[in-house]
N, C-alpha and C. Protein backbone atom coordinates (compact mmCIF):
# COMPACT_ATOMS: atom_id res chain seq x y z
N MET A 1 -10.54 7.25 -8.25
CA MET A 1 -10.98 5.91 -8.59
C MET A 1 -11.33 5.14 -7.32
N LYS A 2 -12.35 4.36 -7.39
CA LYS A 2 -12.81 3.55 -6.26
C LYS A 2 -11.90 2.33 -6.10
N LEU A 3 -11.70 1.95 -4.85
CA LEU A 3 -10.87 0.79 -4.52
C LEU A 3 -11.73 -0.44 -4.30
N THR A 4 -11.17 -1.62 -4.65
CA THR A 4 -11.82 -2.87 -4.30
C THR A 4 -11.66 -3.07 -2.79
N ASP A 5 -12.35 -4.04 -2.24
CA ASP A 5 -12.25 -4.31 -0.80
C ASP A 5 -10.82 -4.64 -0.39
N LYS A 6 -10.14 -5.48 -1.16
CA LYS A 6 -8.76 -5.86 -0.83
C LYS A 6 -7.80 -4.69 -1.01
N GLU A 7 -8.02 -3.87 -2.04
CA GLU A 7 -7.19 -2.67 -2.21
C GLU A 7 -7.38 -1.72 -1.03
N GLN A 8 -8.63 -1.55 -0.60
CA GLN A 8 -8.92 -0.70 0.56
C GLN A 8 -8.24 -1.24 1.81
N GLU A 9 -8.28 -2.55 1.97
CA GLU A 9 -7.65 -3.19 3.12
C GLU A 9 -6.13 -2.94 3.11
N ALA A 10 -5.51 -3.09 1.94
CA ALA A 10 -4.08 -2.84 1.81
C ALA A 10 -3.76 -1.37 2.07
N TYR A 11 -4.56 -0.48 1.52
CA TYR A 11 -4.36 0.96 1.69
C TYR A 11 -4.46 1.36 3.17
N GLU A 12 -5.48 0.87 3.84
CA GLU A 12 -5.66 1.17 5.26
C GLU A 12 -4.50 0.62 6.09
N PHE A 13 -4.03 -0.58 5.74
CA PHE A 13 -2.89 -1.16 6.45
C PHE A 13 -1.66 -0.27 6.28
N ILE A 14 -1.39 0.17 5.06
CA ILE A 14 -0.23 1.02 4.79
C ILE A 14 -0.32 2.30 5.60
N LYS A 15 -1.50 2.94 5.60
CA LYS A 15 -1.68 4.19 6.35
C LYS A 15 -1.43 3.96 7.85
N ARG A 16 -2.03 2.92 8.40
CA ARG A 16 -1.86 2.62 9.84
C ARG A 16 -0.40 2.33 10.17
N TYR A 17 0.24 1.56 9.30
CA TYR A 17 1.63 1.19 9.53
C TYR A 17 2.53 2.42 9.56
N ILE A 18 2.34 3.30 8.59
CA ILE A 18 3.14 4.53 8.54
C ILE A 18 2.86 5.39 9.77
N ASP A 19 1.61 5.52 10.15
CA ASP A 19 1.26 6.30 11.34
C ASP A 19 1.90 5.73 12.60
N THR A 20 1.93 4.42 12.71
CA THR A 20 2.45 3.75 13.90
C THR A 20 3.98 3.74 13.95
N HIS A 21 4.62 3.42 12.81
CA HIS A 21 6.06 3.20 12.79
C HIS A 21 6.88 4.38 12.25
N GLY A 22 6.24 5.26 11.50
CA GLY A 22 6.96 6.39 10.93
C GLY A 22 7.65 6.08 9.61
N TYR A 23 7.47 4.88 9.12
CA TYR A 23 8.00 4.48 7.82
C TYR A 23 7.06 3.44 7.23
N SER A 24 7.19 3.16 5.94
CA SER A 24 6.23 2.29 5.27
C SER A 24 6.54 0.81 5.46
N PRO A 25 5.52 -0.04 5.27
CA PRO A 25 5.73 -1.48 5.39
C PRO A 25 6.41 -2.04 4.14
N THR A 26 6.90 -3.25 4.27
CA THR A 26 7.46 -3.97 3.12
C THR A 26 6.32 -4.63 2.35
N THR A 27 6.62 -5.08 1.14
CA THR A 27 5.60 -5.79 0.36
C THR A 27 5.20 -7.08 1.06
N ARG A 28 6.14 -7.71 1.72
CA ARG A 28 5.83 -8.94 2.47
C ARG A 28 4.85 -8.65 3.60
N GLU A 29 5.05 -7.55 4.32
CA GLU A 29 4.15 -7.18 5.40
C GLU A 29 2.75 -6.83 4.86
N ILE A 30 2.70 -6.19 3.72
CA ILE A 30 1.41 -5.87 3.09
C ILE A 30 0.69 -7.17 2.71
N SER A 31 1.41 -8.08 2.06
CA SER A 31 0.82 -9.37 1.67
C SER A 31 0.27 -10.11 2.87
N HIS A 32 1.06 -10.18 3.92
CA HIS A 32 0.64 -10.89 5.13
C HIS A 32 -0.61 -10.24 5.75
N SER A 33 -0.66 -8.91 5.73
CA SER A 33 -1.78 -8.20 6.36
C SER A 33 -3.11 -8.47 5.67
N ILE A 34 -3.07 -8.74 4.36
CA ILE A 34 -4.31 -8.99 3.63
C ILE A 34 -4.55 -10.48 3.37
N GLY A 35 -3.73 -11.31 4.02
CA GLY A 35 -3.99 -12.75 4.01
C GLY A 35 -3.37 -13.53 2.87
N PHE A 36 -2.31 -13.02 2.27
CA PHE A 36 -1.64 -13.75 1.19
C PHE A 36 -0.23 -14.12 1.62
N SER A 37 0.27 -15.23 1.10
CA SER A 37 1.58 -15.70 1.53
C SER A 37 2.74 -15.26 0.63
N THR A 38 2.45 -14.79 -0.58
CA THR A 38 3.54 -14.41 -1.47
C THR A 38 3.77 -12.91 -1.48
N GLN A 39 5.03 -12.54 -1.55
CA GLN A 39 5.42 -11.14 -1.58
C GLN A 39 4.90 -10.46 -2.86
N ARG A 40 4.80 -11.20 -3.93
CA ARG A 40 4.35 -10.65 -5.21
C ARG A 40 2.93 -10.08 -5.10
N THR A 41 2.10 -10.69 -4.28
CA THR A 41 0.74 -10.19 -4.11
C THR A 41 0.76 -8.78 -3.53
N GLY A 42 1.61 -8.54 -2.55
CA GLY A 42 1.75 -7.20 -1.99
C GLY A 42 2.19 -6.20 -3.04
N SER A 43 3.11 -6.63 -3.91
CA SER A 43 3.59 -5.78 -4.99
C SER A 43 2.46 -5.42 -5.96
N LYS A 44 1.62 -6.39 -6.26
CA LYS A 44 0.50 -6.14 -7.18
C LYS A 44 -0.46 -5.11 -6.60
N TYR A 45 -0.74 -5.22 -5.30
CA TYR A 45 -1.64 -4.25 -4.68
C TYR A 45 -1.00 -2.87 -4.62
N MET A 46 0.30 -2.81 -4.38
CA MET A 46 1.00 -1.53 -4.40
C MET A 46 0.90 -0.90 -5.79
N GLU A 47 1.09 -1.70 -6.83
CA GLU A 47 0.99 -1.19 -8.20
C GLU A 47 -0.40 -0.64 -8.48
N LYS A 48 -1.42 -1.36 -8.05
CA LYS A 48 -2.80 -0.91 -8.26
C LYS A 48 -3.08 0.40 -7.53
N LEU A 49 -2.62 0.49 -6.27
CA LEU A 49 -2.84 1.70 -5.48
C LEU A 49 -2.08 2.89 -6.08
N LYS A 50 -0.90 2.64 -6.60
CA LYS A 50 -0.13 3.71 -7.24
C LYS A 50 -0.82 4.17 -8.51
N LYS A 51 -1.28 3.23 -9.32
CA LYS A 51 -1.95 3.56 -10.57
C LYS A 51 -3.22 4.39 -10.32
N LYS A 52 -3.91 4.09 -9.24
CA LYS A 52 -5.14 4.82 -8.90
C LYS A 52 -4.86 6.13 -8.16
N GLY A 53 -3.58 6.40 -7.85
CA GLY A 53 -3.20 7.67 -7.26
C GLY A 53 -3.25 7.74 -5.74
N TYR A 54 -3.40 6.60 -5.07
CA TYR A 54 -3.51 6.60 -3.61
C TYR A 54 -2.15 6.62 -2.91
N ILE A 55 -1.14 6.01 -3.53
CA ILE A 55 0.19 5.98 -2.95
C ILE A 55 1.23 6.30 -4.02
N ASN A 56 2.45 6.50 -3.56
CA ASN A 56 3.58 6.63 -4.44
C ASN A 56 4.73 5.88 -3.81
N TYR A 57 5.65 5.36 -4.61
CA TYR A 57 6.83 4.67 -4.10
C TYR A 57 7.87 4.59 -5.21
N THR A 58 9.09 4.30 -4.81
CA THR A 58 10.18 4.12 -5.76
C THR A 58 10.44 2.63 -5.88
N ALA A 59 10.22 2.08 -7.07
CA ALA A 59 10.42 0.65 -7.30
C ALA A 59 11.89 0.29 -7.06
N GLY A 60 12.11 -0.84 -6.43
CA GLY A 60 13.46 -1.32 -6.18
C GLY A 60 14.07 -0.84 -4.88
N LEU A 61 13.42 0.11 -4.23
CA LEU A 61 13.90 0.60 -2.94
C LEU A 61 12.90 0.24 -1.87
N GLY A 62 13.38 -0.23 -0.74
CA GLY A 62 12.50 -0.64 0.34
C GLY A 62 11.96 0.53 1.15
N ARG A 63 10.75 0.34 1.65
CA ARG A 63 10.10 1.27 2.58
C ARG A 63 10.03 2.71 2.06
N THR A 64 9.64 2.86 0.79
CA THR A 64 9.54 4.20 0.20
C THR A 64 8.10 4.61 -0.09
N ILE A 65 7.13 3.88 0.40
CA ILE A 65 5.72 4.19 0.12
C ILE A 65 5.33 5.48 0.84
N THR A 66 4.68 6.37 0.11
CA THR A 66 4.09 7.56 0.72
C THR A 66 2.63 7.61 0.33
N ILE A 67 1.82 8.17 1.21
CA ILE A 67 0.39 8.33 0.98
C ILE A 67 0.17 9.65 0.26
N ASN A 68 -0.55 9.61 -0.85
CA ASN A 68 -0.87 10.84 -1.59
C ASN A 68 -2.06 11.54 -0.97
N LYS A 69 -2.04 12.84 -1.00
CA LYS A 69 -3.20 13.63 -0.56
C LYS A 69 -4.25 13.55 -1.67
N LEU A 70 -5.39 13.04 -1.33
CA LEU A 70 -6.47 12.89 -2.31
C LEU A 70 -7.45 14.04 -2.17
N PRO A 71 -7.98 14.51 -3.29
CA PRO A 71 -8.98 15.58 -3.20
C PRO A 71 -10.24 15.10 -2.52
N THR A 72 -10.85 15.96 -1.74
CA THR A 72 -12.10 15.63 -1.08
C THR A 72 -13.23 15.71 -2.10
N PRO A 73 -14.09 14.66 -2.17
CA PRO A 73 -15.15 14.65 -3.19
C PRO A 73 -16.19 15.74 -2.94
């Protein structure tokens, strides 16, 4: 599934963050990276990315986001 511009921005931030730090960002860090002030916005983007198959995470646990291997088109 194709990502919106903001979803792509959130996805790229998550990938860079994991590559840099070795663990995933918080929902607050995701929200801040895409220009929103509420933590809920980060959660919504995480839900969208998970539904589209780009990431996986365990709800209720911090820093559990993993990047899914996507098939090459």
